[in-house]
Every structure is written in structure tokens, then in C-alpha cells.
Amino acid sequence: MKLYLVRHGESISNVKGSIVQPLGSELSEKGKEQAEILAKRFKDIPVDIILSSPLIRAKQTAEIIQGVIGKEVVYTDLLSERRNPSGFIGKDTEDPEFKKINKLLRDSTDPSFHHSDEENLFDVKERAERLLEFVSSRKEEHILCVTHGVFLKIVIGSMEFGEHLTSKTICALQDFLRTNNTGITVCGKDDKRGWSMYTWNDHAHLGEL
């Protein structure tokens, strides 16, 4: 199996910088252009099906790709971005109160700890595990997934560490790995080795864009 994990194109909230992104943030004009360039690249890459987060910025990216390669799109919440506390949506990530709560969530070793209505790291780890089970159960050999930057890193962590993935390791991956809008991460799975990552965040198709 070959799995292509791509981050959505630039969103309007991405342009605004370090804010807690609303779930309904749409692609910017640059983001649409990025998605079109990405779609053209996949004309020469085998894809059997597109799986996508239903959040609008990912959905718009998936639809642009579909318009070029003509493959079916299936939407699943398993690919959605990590859900932040709704009370902080639209606020600056440097907001002292948000930083305080975010640190509590990062440092917590209690799977039951929540500040409010967010997904904690244990929730997202469990969802990443369910996503890998879902794609592994499918009959398609070449799957393109349109997802989000934070969740993508946790999926990679789940591939590498499995049940041994800890909140501390998730935070380290979040801090170390960088993703570009429409960056392509290529992974594969076979019966002997399980999951492997071949390429991380390939965004050569963007050139100078």
C-alpha cells in the first residue's frame, strides 16, 4: 500500500499568522493556486481514491485535485485537524491564557484531562490509530489523504511508535517537524515491515509560489 498524506492549501487563517484557526476557514486565493499545482502533480502519480477531512479548507483542496485527476473523494472526520478549545478560536496563539492552557494539555499524562471541549493529545492519538486501521482495511493500493498539519504529524508518530507513542513524543514531533501547505508526505505499508515513511513534506511543486 502507498499512502500520500497532503496538507491542505493555504487558508485565509494561515495568512493571518499565529491564530487558533476556525474550523470553517476557507482557502485563500494563493491556497487555491497551490491546490491546482498540487493536482497537476498528481496527474503523474497513481491514485485510486482521495480521502479527505471534511473541514472546508481540506474539502476545497480535495475538490480541486478531484477536478484534475477525476478520482472519487470520500470525506471522513478521521482526517480532521485536532480540535482546540472552542473558547480560544480566532485568538492569537501568543495569548497568555491560551499558552497557559496549551501547556497544561501538552504536559498532562492523564488521558481524561480536558480543559473544555478540545481533543487532548490522547484523543488525537486514538483517532490517528483508527485512521491507520481504516486505510489498512481498504482495498485500494494507492490512497491520497487530504488532511492538516498538526494531525499529520501525529499520524506519522503513530506509524513509528504505535501503542508506545506518548504525549511527550507527540509534543517533540510537533516542535521538530515542519509542514508546508500542500506538502506531500509519502508512506508505505507491507506485511513484513509495517509502516515506513519515504518522503516528508515534499513541496517542490510550489517552486517560488
N, C-alpha and C. Protein backbone atom coordinates (compact mmCIF):
# COMPACT_ATOMS: atom_id res chain seq x y z
N MET A 1 0.84 -1.20 0.00
CA MET A 1 0.00 0.00 0.00
C MET A 1 0.87 1.24 0.00
N LYS A 2 0.47 2.25 -0.75
CA LYS A 2 1.14 3.54 -0.78
C LYS A 2 0.13 4.60 -0.30
N LEU A 3 0.56 5.40 0.66
CA LEU A 3 -0.30 6.43 1.24
C LEU A 3 0.34 7.79 1.04
N TYR A 4 -0.40 8.68 0.37
CA TYR A 4 0.06 10.05 0.16
C TYR A 4 -0.72 10.96 1.10
N LEU A 5 -0.03 11.54 2.07
CA LEU A 5 -0.66 12.44 3.03
C LEU A 5 -0.30 13.87 2.65
N VAL A 6 -1.31 14.68 2.32
CA VAL A 6 -1.03 16.06 1.92
C VAL A 6 -1.77 17.02 2.85
N ARG A 7 -1.07 18.12 3.16
CA ARG A 7 -1.70 19.19 3.92
C ARG A 7 -2.49 20.06 2.94
N HIS A 8 -3.61 20.58 3.38
CA HIS A 8 -4.46 21.44 2.55
C HIS A 8 -3.68 22.67 2.07
N GLY A 9 -4.21 23.37 1.09
CA GLY A 9 -3.62 24.63 0.63
C GLY A 9 -3.74 25.71 1.69
N GLU A 10 -3.04 26.80 1.45
CA GLU A 10 -3.06 27.92 2.40
C GLU A 10 -4.49 28.40 2.65
N SER A 11 -4.83 28.55 3.92
CA SER A 11 -6.16 29.04 4.28
C SER A 11 -6.10 30.54 4.59
N ILE A 12 -7.26 31.15 4.64
CA ILE A 12 -7.32 32.57 5.00
C ILE A 12 -6.76 32.79 6.40
N SER A 13 -7.01 31.83 7.30
CA SER A 13 -6.48 31.95 8.66
C SER A 13 -4.96 31.78 8.68
N ASN A 14 -4.41 30.94 7.80
CA ASN A 14 -2.96 30.80 7.71
C ASN A 14 -2.31 32.14 7.39
N VAL A 15 -2.97 32.92 6.52
CA VAL A 15 -2.43 34.22 6.13
C VAL A 15 -2.33 35.16 7.33
N LYS A 16 -3.28 35.02 8.23
CA LYS A 16 -3.33 35.92 9.39
C LYS A 16 -2.24 35.61 10.42
N GLY A 17 -1.57 34.48 10.26
CA GLY A 17 -0.46 34.17 11.15
C GLY A 17 -0.85 33.30 12.31
N SER A 18 -0.31 33.58 13.47
CA SER A 18 -0.42 32.69 14.63
C SER A 18 -1.73 32.88 15.38
N ILE A 19 -2.81 32.40 14.77
CA ILE A 19 -4.10 32.41 15.47
C ILE A 19 -4.61 30.99 15.60
N VAL A 20 -5.50 30.78 16.54
CA VAL A 20 -6.16 29.48 16.68
C VAL A 20 -7.20 29.40 15.57
N GLN A 21 -6.96 28.53 14.61
CA GLN A 21 -7.70 28.55 13.35
C GLN A 21 -9.16 28.07 13.51
N PRO A 22 -10.12 28.84 12.98
CA PRO A 22 -11.52 28.39 12.98
C PRO A 22 -11.69 27.15 12.10
N LEU A 23 -12.62 26.30 12.47
CA LEU A 23 -12.86 25.09 11.67
C LEU A 23 -13.33 25.44 10.26
N GLY A 24 -14.03 26.57 10.13
CA GLY A 24 -14.62 26.93 8.84
C GLY A 24 -13.73 27.78 7.95
N SER A 25 -12.45 27.90 8.25
CA SER A 25 -11.56 28.73 7.45
C SER A 25 -11.41 28.17 6.03
N GLU A 26 -11.60 29.04 5.03
CA GLU A 26 -11.53 28.63 3.63
C GLU A 26 -10.14 28.86 3.05
N LEU A 27 -9.91 28.32 1.85
CA LEU A 27 -8.65 28.55 1.17
C LEU A 27 -8.53 30.01 0.74
N SER A 28 -7.32 30.54 0.84
CA SER A 28 -7.03 31.85 0.26
C SER A 28 -6.88 31.68 -1.25
N GLU A 29 -6.75 32.77 -1.97
CA GLU A 29 -6.52 32.67 -3.42
C GLU A 29 -5.21 31.95 -3.69
N LYS A 30 -4.19 32.24 -2.89
CA LYS A 30 -2.92 31.53 -3.03
C LYS A 30 -3.09 30.05 -2.73
N GLY A 31 -3.91 29.74 -1.73
CA GLY A 31 -4.17 28.34 -1.38
C GLY A 31 -4.83 27.57 -2.51
N LYS A 32 -5.75 28.23 -3.23
CA LYS A 32 -6.39 27.59 -4.37
C LYS A 32 -5.38 27.32 -5.48
N GLU A 33 -4.48 28.30 -5.68
CA GLU A 33 -3.43 28.14 -6.70
C GLU A 33 -2.50 26.99 -6.30
N GLN A 34 -2.15 26.91 -5.03
CA GLN A 34 -1.31 25.81 -4.55
C GLN A 34 -1.98 24.45 -4.82
N ALA A 35 -3.28 24.39 -4.54
CA ALA A 35 -4.01 23.13 -4.73
C ALA A 35 -4.07 22.74 -6.21
N GLU A 36 -4.19 23.72 -7.07
CA GLU A 36 -4.21 23.44 -8.52
C GLU A 36 -2.87 22.89 -8.99
N ILE A 37 -1.78 23.47 -8.47
CA ILE A 37 -0.44 22.97 -8.83
C ILE A 37 -0.24 21.57 -8.29
N LEU A 38 -0.69 21.33 -7.06
CA LEU A 38 -0.61 20.00 -6.46
C LEU A 38 -1.39 18.99 -7.29
N ALA A 39 -2.58 19.38 -7.71
CA ALA A 39 -3.43 18.48 -8.51
C ALA A 39 -2.73 18.06 -9.79
N LYS A 40 -2.07 19.01 -10.45
CA LYS A 40 -1.36 18.70 -11.69
C LYS A 40 -0.22 17.71 -11.44
N ARG A 41 0.41 17.84 -10.27
CA ARG A 41 1.49 16.90 -9.95
C ARG A 41 0.95 15.48 -9.82
N PHE A 42 -0.26 15.35 -9.28
CA PHE A 42 -0.82 14.01 -9.09
C PHE A 42 -1.36 13.40 -10.38
N LYS A 43 -1.33 14.15 -11.47
CA LYS A 43 -1.70 13.57 -12.76
C LYS A 43 -0.74 12.44 -13.13
N ASP A 44 0.49 12.51 -12.65
CA ASP A 44 1.51 11.52 -12.99
C ASP A 44 1.82 10.56 -11.84
N ILE A 45 0.99 10.60 -10.79
CA ILE A 45 1.17 9.71 -9.64
C ILE A 45 -0.07 8.82 -9.53
N PRO A 46 0.11 7.50 -9.41
CA PRO A 46 -1.07 6.61 -9.31
C PRO A 46 -1.87 6.89 -8.05
N VAL A 47 -3.15 7.17 -8.22
CA VAL A 47 -4.07 7.38 -7.10
C VAL A 47 -5.35 6.63 -7.39
N ASP A 48 -5.79 5.81 -6.45
CA ASP A 48 -7.03 5.05 -6.63
C ASP A 48 -8.23 5.77 -6.03
N ILE A 49 -8.01 6.51 -4.95
CA ILE A 49 -9.11 7.19 -4.26
C ILE A 49 -8.54 8.35 -3.44
N ILE A 50 -9.37 9.37 -3.22
CA ILE A 50 -8.99 10.50 -2.38
C ILE A 50 -9.82 10.44 -1.10
N LEU A 51 -9.16 10.41 0.03
CA LEU A 51 -9.83 10.53 1.33
C LEU A 51 -9.53 11.93 1.85
N SER A 52 -10.53 12.58 2.43
CA SER A 52 -10.31 13.97 2.85
C SER A 52 -11.01 14.30 4.16
N SER A 53 -10.36 15.17 4.91
CA SER A 53 -11.04 15.83 6.03
C SER A 53 -12.23 16.60 5.47
N PRO A 54 -13.35 16.67 6.22
CA PRO A 54 -14.50 17.43 5.76
C PRO A 54 -14.40 18.93 6.04
N LEU A 55 -13.36 19.37 6.76
CA LEU A 55 -13.20 20.81 7.02
C LEU A 55 -12.99 21.53 5.70
N ILE A 56 -13.56 22.72 5.57
CA ILE A 56 -13.70 23.37 4.27
C ILE A 56 -12.37 23.55 3.54
N ARG A 57 -11.30 23.91 4.25
CA ARG A 57 -10.02 24.14 3.58
C ARG A 57 -9.46 22.85 2.98
N ALA A 58 -9.69 21.73 3.65
CA ALA A 58 -9.27 20.43 3.11
C ALA A 58 -10.23 19.99 1.99
N LYS A 59 -11.53 20.21 2.22
CA LYS A 59 -12.52 19.82 1.22
C LYS A 59 -12.29 20.56 -0.10
N GLN A 60 -12.00 21.86 -0.03
CA GLN A 60 -11.74 22.63 -1.25
C GLN A 60 -10.49 22.10 -1.96
N THR A 61 -9.46 21.75 -1.18
CA THR A 61 -8.23 21.19 -1.76
C THR A 61 -8.53 19.88 -2.46
N ALA A 62 -9.29 19.00 -1.79
CA ALA A 62 -9.62 17.70 -2.38
C ALA A 62 -10.45 17.85 -3.65
N GLU A 63 -11.38 18.80 -3.66
CA GLU A 63 -12.22 19.01 -4.85
C GLU A 63 -11.41 19.51 -6.04
N ILE A 64 -10.40 20.35 -5.76
CA ILE A 64 -9.54 20.83 -6.84
C ILE A 64 -8.73 19.67 -7.42
N ILE A 65 -8.22 18.81 -6.54
CA ILE A 65 -7.47 17.64 -7.01
C ILE A 65 -8.38 16.72 -7.81
N GLN A 66 -9.59 16.49 -7.30
CA GLN A 66 -10.54 15.63 -8.00
C GLN A 66 -10.84 16.16 -9.40
N GLY A 67 -10.94 17.49 -9.53
CA GLY A 67 -11.24 18.08 -10.82
C GLY A 67 -10.18 17.81 -11.87
N VAL A 68 -8.96 17.53 -11.42
CA VAL A 68 -7.87 17.26 -12.35
C VAL A 68 -7.67 15.76 -12.59
N ILE A 69 -7.71 14.95 -11.52
CA ILE A 69 -7.41 13.52 -11.71
C ILE A 69 -8.67 12.65 -11.78
N GLY A 70 -9.83 13.23 -11.45
CA GLY A 70 -11.09 12.53 -11.66
C GLY A 70 -11.37 11.36 -10.74
N LYS A 71 -10.74 11.30 -9.57
CA LYS A 71 -10.96 10.18 -8.66
C LYS A 71 -12.03 10.53 -7.61
N GLU A 72 -12.68 9.49 -7.10
CA GLU A 72 -13.72 9.67 -6.09
C GLU A 72 -13.11 10.27 -4.82
N VAL A 73 -13.89 11.16 -4.17
CA VAL A 73 -13.49 11.71 -2.88
C VAL A 73 -14.41 11.15 -1.80
N VAL A 74 -13.83 10.63 -0.73
CA VAL A 74 -14.59 10.16 0.43
C VAL A 74 -14.16 11.02 1.62
N TYR A 75 -15.14 11.63 2.29
CA TYR A 75 -14.84 12.51 3.42
C TYR A 75 -14.96 11.72 4.73
N THR A 76 -14.01 11.94 5.61
CA THR A 76 -14.03 11.26 6.90
C THR A 76 -13.49 12.17 7.99
N ASP A 77 -14.19 12.21 9.12
CA ASP A 77 -13.75 13.01 10.27
C ASP A 77 -12.43 12.50 10.83
N LEU A 78 -12.03 11.29 10.48
CA LEU A 78 -10.77 10.75 10.96
C LEU A 78 -9.59 11.60 10.52
N LEU A 79 -9.74 12.36 9.42
CA LEU A 79 -8.66 13.18 8.88
C LEU A 79 -8.74 14.65 9.31
N SER A 80 -9.70 14.99 10.16
CA SER A 80 -9.86 16.38 10.59
C SER A 80 -8.67 16.84 11.44
N GLU A 81 -8.54 18.16 11.55
CA GLU A 81 -7.49 18.72 12.40
C GLU A 81 -7.85 18.52 13.87
N ARG A 82 -6.81 18.53 14.70
CA ARG A 82 -7.05 18.48 16.14
C ARG A 82 -7.96 19.63 16.56
N ARG A 83 -8.95 19.35 17.37
CA ARG A 83 -9.91 20.36 17.80
C ARG A 83 -9.40 21.10 19.04
N ASN A 84 -9.21 22.40 18.90
CA ASN A 84 -8.77 23.25 20.02
C ASN A 84 -9.96 23.65 20.87
N PRO A 85 -9.71 24.15 22.10
CA PRO A 85 -10.83 24.65 22.91
C PRO A 85 -11.59 25.73 22.15
N SER A 86 -12.89 25.57 22.00
CA SER A 86 -13.66 26.49 21.17
C SER A 86 -13.62 27.93 21.69
N GLY A 87 -13.39 28.10 22.99
CA GLY A 87 -13.33 29.44 23.56
C GLY A 87 -12.13 30.25 23.10
N PHE A 88 -11.14 29.58 22.48
CA PHE A 88 -9.94 30.28 22.03
C PHE A 88 -9.89 30.44 20.51
N ILE A 89 -10.90 29.96 19.79
CA ILE A 89 -10.90 30.06 18.33
C ILE A 89 -10.78 31.53 17.90
N GLY A 90 -9.86 31.80 16.99
CA GLY A 90 -9.66 33.14 16.47
C GLY A 90 -8.71 33.99 17.29
N LYS A 91 -8.29 33.49 18.45
CA LYS A 91 -7.38 34.25 19.30
C LYS A 91 -5.92 33.97 18.90
N ASP A 92 -5.06 34.89 19.27
CA ASP A 92 -3.63 34.75 18.99
C ASP A 92 -3.06 33.61 19.82
N THR A 93 -2.21 32.77 19.20
CA THR A 93 -1.62 31.66 19.94
C THR A 93 -0.64 32.14 21.01
N GLU A 94 -0.27 33.43 20.94
CA GLU A 94 0.59 34.01 21.98
C GLU A 94 -0.21 34.59 23.14
N ASP A 95 -1.53 34.49 23.05
CA ASP A 95 -2.38 34.95 24.15
C ASP A 95 -1.98 34.21 25.43
N PRO A 96 -1.69 34.93 26.52
CA PRO A 96 -1.19 34.29 27.75
C PRO A 96 -2.10 33.17 28.26
N GLU A 97 -3.40 33.39 28.21
CA GLU A 97 -4.33 32.37 28.72
C GLU A 97 -4.29 31.13 27.85
N PHE A 98 -4.24 31.33 26.51
CA PHE A 98 -4.16 30.17 25.61
C PHE A 98 -2.86 29.40 25.83
N LYS A 99 -1.75 30.11 25.97
CA LYS A 99 -0.46 29.46 26.20
C LYS A 99 -0.48 28.66 27.50
N LYS A 100 -1.15 29.20 28.52
CA LYS A 100 -1.24 28.50 29.79
C LYS A 100 -2.01 27.19 29.64
N ILE A 101 -3.17 27.26 28.97
CA ILE A 101 -3.98 26.06 28.79
C ILE A 101 -3.28 25.06 27.87
N ASN A 102 -2.64 25.57 26.82
CA ASN A 102 -1.94 24.69 25.89
C ASN A 102 -0.81 23.94 26.59
N LYS A 103 -0.11 24.63 27.50
CA LYS A 103 0.95 23.97 28.25
C LYS A 103 0.39 22.88 29.16
N LEU A 104 -0.74 23.16 29.79
CA LEU A 104 -1.37 22.14 30.64
C LEU A 104 -1.73 20.90 29.82
N LEU A 105 -2.24 21.12 28.61
CA LEU A 105 -2.63 20.00 27.75
C LEU A 105 -1.40 19.24 27.26
N ARG A 106 -0.33 19.96 26.94
CA ARG A 106 0.91 19.32 26.48
C ARG A 106 1.57 18.50 27.59
N ASP A 107 1.52 19.02 28.81
CA ASP A 107 2.23 18.38 29.92
C ASP A 107 1.43 17.27 30.59
N SER A 108 0.14 17.22 30.33
CA SER A 108 -0.70 16.25 31.04
C SER A 108 -0.38 14.81 30.64
N THR A 109 -0.31 13.94 31.63
CA THR A 109 -0.16 12.50 31.38
C THR A 109 -1.45 11.76 31.71
N ASP A 110 -2.52 12.52 31.92
CA ASP A 110 -3.82 11.96 32.28
C ASP A 110 -4.73 11.96 31.05
N PRO A 111 -5.04 10.80 30.48
CA PRO A 111 -5.87 10.74 29.27
C PRO A 111 -7.25 11.35 29.45
N SER A 112 -7.72 11.48 30.69
CA SER A 112 -9.06 12.02 30.93
C SER A 112 -9.08 13.53 31.11
N PHE A 113 -7.89 14.17 31.15
CA PHE A 113 -7.84 15.60 31.42
C PHE A 113 -8.25 16.41 30.19
N HIS A 114 -9.24 17.29 30.36
CA HIS A 114 -9.65 18.24 29.33
C HIS A 114 -9.87 19.60 29.99
N HIS A 115 -9.50 20.64 29.27
CA HIS A 115 -9.80 21.99 29.74
C HIS A 115 -11.27 22.30 29.50
N SER A 116 -11.74 22.00 28.27
CA SER A 116 -13.16 22.23 27.94
C SER A 116 -13.59 21.21 26.89
N ASP A 117 -13.78 21.68 25.64
CA ASP A 117 -14.33 20.78 24.62
C ASP A 117 -13.30 20.38 23.57
N GLU A 118 -12.01 20.53 23.89
CA GLU A 118 -10.96 20.20 22.92
C GLU A 118 -10.68 18.70 22.87
N GLU A 119 -9.93 18.30 21.83
CA GLU A 119 -9.32 16.97 21.81
C GLU A 119 -7.97 17.08 22.50
N ASN A 120 -7.74 16.27 23.51
CA ASN A 120 -6.40 16.25 24.09
C ASN A 120 -5.50 15.35 23.24
N LEU A 121 -4.24 15.27 23.58
CA LEU A 121 -3.29 14.51 22.76
C LEU A 121 -3.63 13.03 22.72
N PHE A 122 -4.20 12.52 23.79
CA PHE A 122 -4.59 11.11 23.83
C PHE A 122 -5.76 10.85 22.89
N ASP A 123 -6.69 11.80 22.82
CA ASP A 123 -7.82 11.68 21.90
C ASP A 123 -7.33 11.63 20.45
N VAL A 124 -6.39 12.52 20.12
CA VAL A 124 -5.92 12.60 18.74
C VAL A 124 -5.07 11.38 18.38
N LYS A 125 -4.29 10.89 19.33
CA LYS A 125 -3.53 9.66 19.10
C LYS A 125 -4.47 8.50 18.77
N GLU A 126 -5.56 8.39 19.55
CA GLU A 126 -6.52 7.31 19.30
C GLU A 126 -7.17 7.46 17.94
N ARG A 127 -7.44 8.71 17.52
CA ARG A 127 -8.04 8.92 16.19
C ARG A 127 -7.05 8.57 15.09
N ALA A 128 -5.77 8.91 15.29
CA ALA A 128 -4.76 8.56 14.31
C ALA A 128 -4.65 7.04 14.14
N GLU A 129 -4.75 6.33 15.25
CA GLU A 129 -4.71 4.86 15.20
C GLU A 129 -5.91 4.32 14.41
N ARG A 130 -7.07 4.93 14.63
CA ARG A 130 -8.27 4.48 13.89
C ARG A 130 -8.15 4.80 12.40
N LEU A 131 -7.51 5.93 12.07
CA LEU A 131 -7.30 6.25 10.65
C LEU A 131 -6.42 5.20 10.00
N LEU A 132 -5.33 4.81 10.66
CA LEU A 132 -4.43 3.82 10.07
C LEU A 132 -5.11 2.47 9.91
N GLU A 133 -5.97 2.12 10.86
CA GLU A 133 -6.76 0.88 10.72
C GLU A 133 -7.72 0.99 9.53
N PHE A 134 -8.30 2.18 9.38
CA PHE A 134 -9.28 2.41 8.30
C PHE A 134 -8.62 2.29 6.93
N VAL A 135 -7.49 2.96 6.73
CA VAL A 135 -6.85 2.89 5.41
C VAL A 135 -6.29 1.50 5.15
N SER A 136 -5.83 0.82 6.20
CA SER A 136 -5.28 -0.53 6.04
C SER A 136 -6.35 -1.53 5.63
N SER A 137 -7.60 -1.24 6.00
CA SER A 137 -8.69 -2.16 5.69
C SER A 137 -9.26 -1.97 4.29
N ARG A 138 -8.85 -0.89 3.62
CA ARG A 138 -9.39 -0.59 2.30
C ARG A 138 -8.71 -1.43 1.23
N LYS A 139 -9.43 -1.61 0.12
CA LYS A 139 -8.91 -2.45 -0.97
C LYS A 139 -7.97 -1.69 -1.90
N GLU A 140 -8.04 -0.35 -1.88
CA GLU A 140 -7.21 0.45 -2.79
C GLU A 140 -5.73 0.34 -2.40
N GLU A 141 -4.86 0.38 -3.40
CA GLU A 141 -3.42 0.28 -3.16
C GLU A 141 -2.74 1.64 -3.10
N HIS A 142 -3.34 2.66 -3.71
CA HIS A 142 -2.74 4.00 -3.74
C HIS A 142 -3.79 5.01 -3.25
N ILE A 143 -3.60 5.50 -2.03
CA ILE A 143 -4.59 6.35 -1.37
C ILE A 143 -4.01 7.73 -1.11
N LEU A 144 -4.73 8.74 -1.53
CA LEU A 144 -4.35 10.13 -1.28
C LEU A 144 -5.23 10.68 -0.17
N CYS A 145 -4.61 11.16 0.91
CA CYS A 145 -5.35 11.72 2.05
C CYS A 145 -5.08 13.21 2.16
N VAL A 146 -6.13 14.01 2.19
CA VAL A 146 -6.00 15.45 2.39
C VAL A 146 -6.33 15.75 3.85
N THR A 147 -5.35 16.29 4.56
CA THR A 147 -5.53 16.47 6.00
C THR A 147 -4.91 17.79 6.45
N HIS A 148 -4.42 17.84 7.69
CA HIS A 148 -3.98 19.08 8.32
C HIS A 148 -2.62 18.89 8.99
N GLY A 149 -1.92 19.99 9.21
CA GLY A 149 -0.54 19.93 9.67
C GLY A 149 -0.34 19.24 11.01
N VAL A 150 -1.10 19.61 12.02
CA VAL A 150 -0.92 19.03 13.35
C VAL A 150 -1.27 17.55 13.34
N PHE A 151 -2.41 17.23 12.75
CA PHE A 151 -2.84 15.83 12.75
C PHE A 151 -1.89 14.95 11.95
N LEU A 152 -1.36 15.48 10.85
CA LEU A 152 -0.44 14.71 10.02
C LEU A 152 0.77 14.24 10.84
N LYS A 153 1.30 15.11 11.67
CA LYS A 153 2.46 14.75 12.48
C LYS A 153 2.13 13.62 13.46
N ILE A 154 0.93 13.65 14.00
CA ILE A 154 0.53 12.62 14.96
C ILE A 154 0.31 11.29 14.25
N VAL A 155 -0.16 11.33 13.01
CA VAL A 155 -0.30 10.10 12.22
C VAL A 155 1.07 9.46 12.01
N ILE A 156 2.07 10.29 11.65
CA ILE A 156 3.42 9.77 11.46
C ILE A 156 3.96 9.19 12.76
N GLY A 157 3.68 9.86 13.88
CA GLY A 157 4.10 9.34 15.17
C GLY A 157 3.46 7.99 15.47
N SER A 158 2.21 7.83 15.11
CA SER A 158 1.51 6.57 15.33
C SER A 158 2.09 5.45 14.47
N MET A 159 2.48 5.80 13.24
CA MET A 159 3.13 4.80 12.37
C MET A 159 4.44 4.31 12.99
N GLU A 160 5.22 5.25 13.51
CA GLU A 160 6.56 4.90 14.01
C GLU A 160 6.53 4.23 15.37
N PHE A 161 5.71 4.76 16.29
CA PHE A 161 5.76 4.28 17.67
C PHE A 161 4.59 3.39 18.08
N GLY A 162 3.52 3.39 17.29
CA GLY A 162 2.37 2.55 17.61
C GLY A 162 1.82 2.84 18.98
N GLU A 163 1.55 1.79 19.75
CA GLU A 163 0.96 1.95 21.08
C GLU A 163 1.93 2.61 22.06
N HIS A 164 3.19 2.71 21.69
CA HIS A 164 4.19 3.31 22.58
C HIS A 164 4.32 4.83 22.37
N LEU A 165 3.51 5.40 21.49
CA LEU A 165 3.53 6.84 21.28
C LEU A 165 3.01 7.55 22.53
N THR A 166 3.81 8.44 23.09
CA THR A 166 3.44 9.16 24.32
C THR A 166 3.14 10.62 24.01
N SER A 167 2.51 11.30 24.96
CA SER A 167 2.23 12.72 24.78
C SER A 167 3.53 13.51 24.67
N LYS A 168 4.56 13.09 25.38
CA LYS A 168 5.86 13.76 25.30
C LYS A 168 6.45 13.65 23.90
N THR A 169 6.34 12.47 23.30
CA THR A 169 6.86 12.25 21.95
C THR A 169 6.04 13.05 20.94
N ILE A 170 4.73 13.10 21.12
CA ILE A 170 3.87 13.88 20.23
C ILE A 170 4.31 15.35 20.25
N CYS A 171 4.55 15.89 21.42
CA CYS A 171 4.98 17.29 21.53
C CYS A 171 6.33 17.51 20.85
N ALA A 172 7.23 16.53 20.99
CA ALA A 172 8.54 16.65 20.35
C ALA A 172 8.39 16.65 18.83
N LEU A 173 7.52 15.80 18.30
CA LEU A 173 7.27 15.77 16.86
C LEU A 173 6.66 17.08 16.39
N GLN A 174 5.73 17.61 17.18
CA GLN A 174 5.08 18.87 16.82
C GLN A 174 6.10 20.00 16.70
N ASP A 175 7.06 20.00 17.63
CA ASP A 175 8.04 21.08 17.66
C ASP A 175 9.12 20.91 16.59
N PHE A 176 9.45 19.67 16.25
CA PHE A 176 10.57 19.40 15.35
C PHE A 176 10.16 19.40 13.87
N LEU A 177 9.05 18.76 13.55
CA LEU A 177 8.62 18.62 12.16
C LEU A 177 7.93 19.89 11.66
N ARG A 178 8.16 20.23 10.43
CA ARG A 178 7.52 21.38 9.81
C ARG A 178 6.75 20.94 8.57
N THR A 179 5.60 21.55 8.34
CA THR A 179 4.80 21.23 7.16
C THR A 179 4.51 22.49 6.36
N ASN A 180 4.52 22.35 5.05
CA ASN A 180 4.10 23.43 4.16
C ASN A 180 2.71 23.11 3.61
N ASN A 181 1.96 24.15 3.30
CA ASN A 181 0.66 23.92 2.66
C ASN A 181 0.89 23.18 1.35
N THR A 182 0.13 22.12 1.15
CA THR A 182 0.18 21.17 0.02
C THR A 182 1.46 20.34 -0.01
N GLY A 183 2.24 20.33 1.08
CA GLY A 183 3.38 19.43 1.16
C GLY A 183 2.92 17.98 1.11
N ILE A 184 3.70 17.13 0.45
CA ILE A 184 3.34 15.72 0.26
C ILE A 184 4.24 14.84 1.13
N THR A 185 3.63 14.01 1.95
CA THR A 185 4.35 13.01 2.74
C THR A 185 3.95 11.63 2.20
N VAL A 186 4.93 10.83 1.85
CA VAL A 186 4.67 9.53 1.23
C VAL A 186 5.04 8.42 2.19
N CYS A 187 4.10 7.53 2.46
CA CYS A 187 4.32 6.39 3.35
C CYS A 187 3.88 5.10 2.65
N GLY A 188 4.41 4.01 3.12
CA GLY A 188 4.02 2.71 2.57
C GLY A 188 3.85 1.70 3.67
N LYS A 189 3.14 0.64 3.36
CA LYS A 189 2.95 -0.43 4.34
C LYS A 189 3.06 -1.77 3.65
N ASP A 190 3.82 -2.68 4.26
CA ASP A 190 3.86 -4.06 3.76
C ASP A 190 3.77 -5.01 4.95
N ASP A 191 3.55 -6.29 4.65
CA ASP A 191 3.31 -7.27 5.70
C ASP A 191 4.54 -7.51 6.58
N LYS A 192 5.74 -7.32 6.03
CA LYS A 192 6.95 -7.60 6.79
C LYS A 192 7.36 -6.44 7.69
N ARG A 193 7.38 -5.23 7.15
CA ARG A 193 7.92 -4.09 7.88
C ARG A 193 6.86 -3.20 8.51
N GLY A 194 5.63 -3.40 8.13
CA GLY A 194 4.60 -2.49 8.61
C GLY A 194 4.72 -1.15 7.90
N TRP A 195 4.54 -0.05 8.62
CA TRP A 195 4.57 1.28 8.02
C TRP A 195 6.00 1.80 7.88
N SER A 196 6.25 2.50 6.79
CA SER A 196 7.52 3.20 6.56
C SER A 196 7.21 4.56 5.95
N MET A 197 8.06 5.54 6.22
CA MET A 197 7.91 6.85 5.59
C MET A 197 9.04 7.04 4.58
N TYR A 198 8.67 7.36 3.33
CA TYR A 198 9.64 7.53 2.26
C TYR A 198 9.99 9.01 2.03
N THR A 199 9.00 9.88 2.17
CA THR A 199 9.20 11.30 1.87
C THR A 199 8.42 12.14 2.87
N TRP A 200 9.05 13.21 3.36
CA TRP A 200 8.37 14.12 4.29
C TRP A 200 8.21 15.50 3.66
N ASN A 201 6.98 16.00 3.60
CA ASN A 201 6.69 17.39 3.27
C ASN A 201 7.33 17.85 1.95
N ASP A 202 7.24 17.04 0.93
CA ASP A 202 7.77 17.42 -0.38
C ASP A 202 6.88 18.53 -0.97
N HIS A 203 7.45 19.73 -1.14
CA HIS A 203 6.67 20.83 -1.72
C HIS A 203 7.41 21.46 -2.89
N ALA A 204 8.22 20.66 -3.58
CA ALA A 204 8.99 21.15 -4.74
C ALA A 204 8.07 21.69 -5.83
N HIS A 205 6.84 21.16 -5.88
CA HIS A 205 5.91 21.60 -6.92
C HIS A 205 5.52 23.07 -6.79
N LEU A 206 5.72 23.64 -5.61
CA LEU A 206 5.35 25.04 -5.41
C LEU A 206 6.37 26.00 -6.02
N GLY A 207 7.62 25.53 -6.20
CA GLY A 207 8.63 26.40 -6.77
C GLY A 207 8.78 27.68 -5.98
N GLU A 208 8.59 28.79 -6.65
CA GLU A 208 8.73 30.09 -5.99
C GLU A 208 7.39 30.65 -5.51
N LEU A 209 6.33 29.84 -5.61
CA LEU A 209 5.00 30.33 -5.24
C LEU A 209 4.96 30.66 -3.74
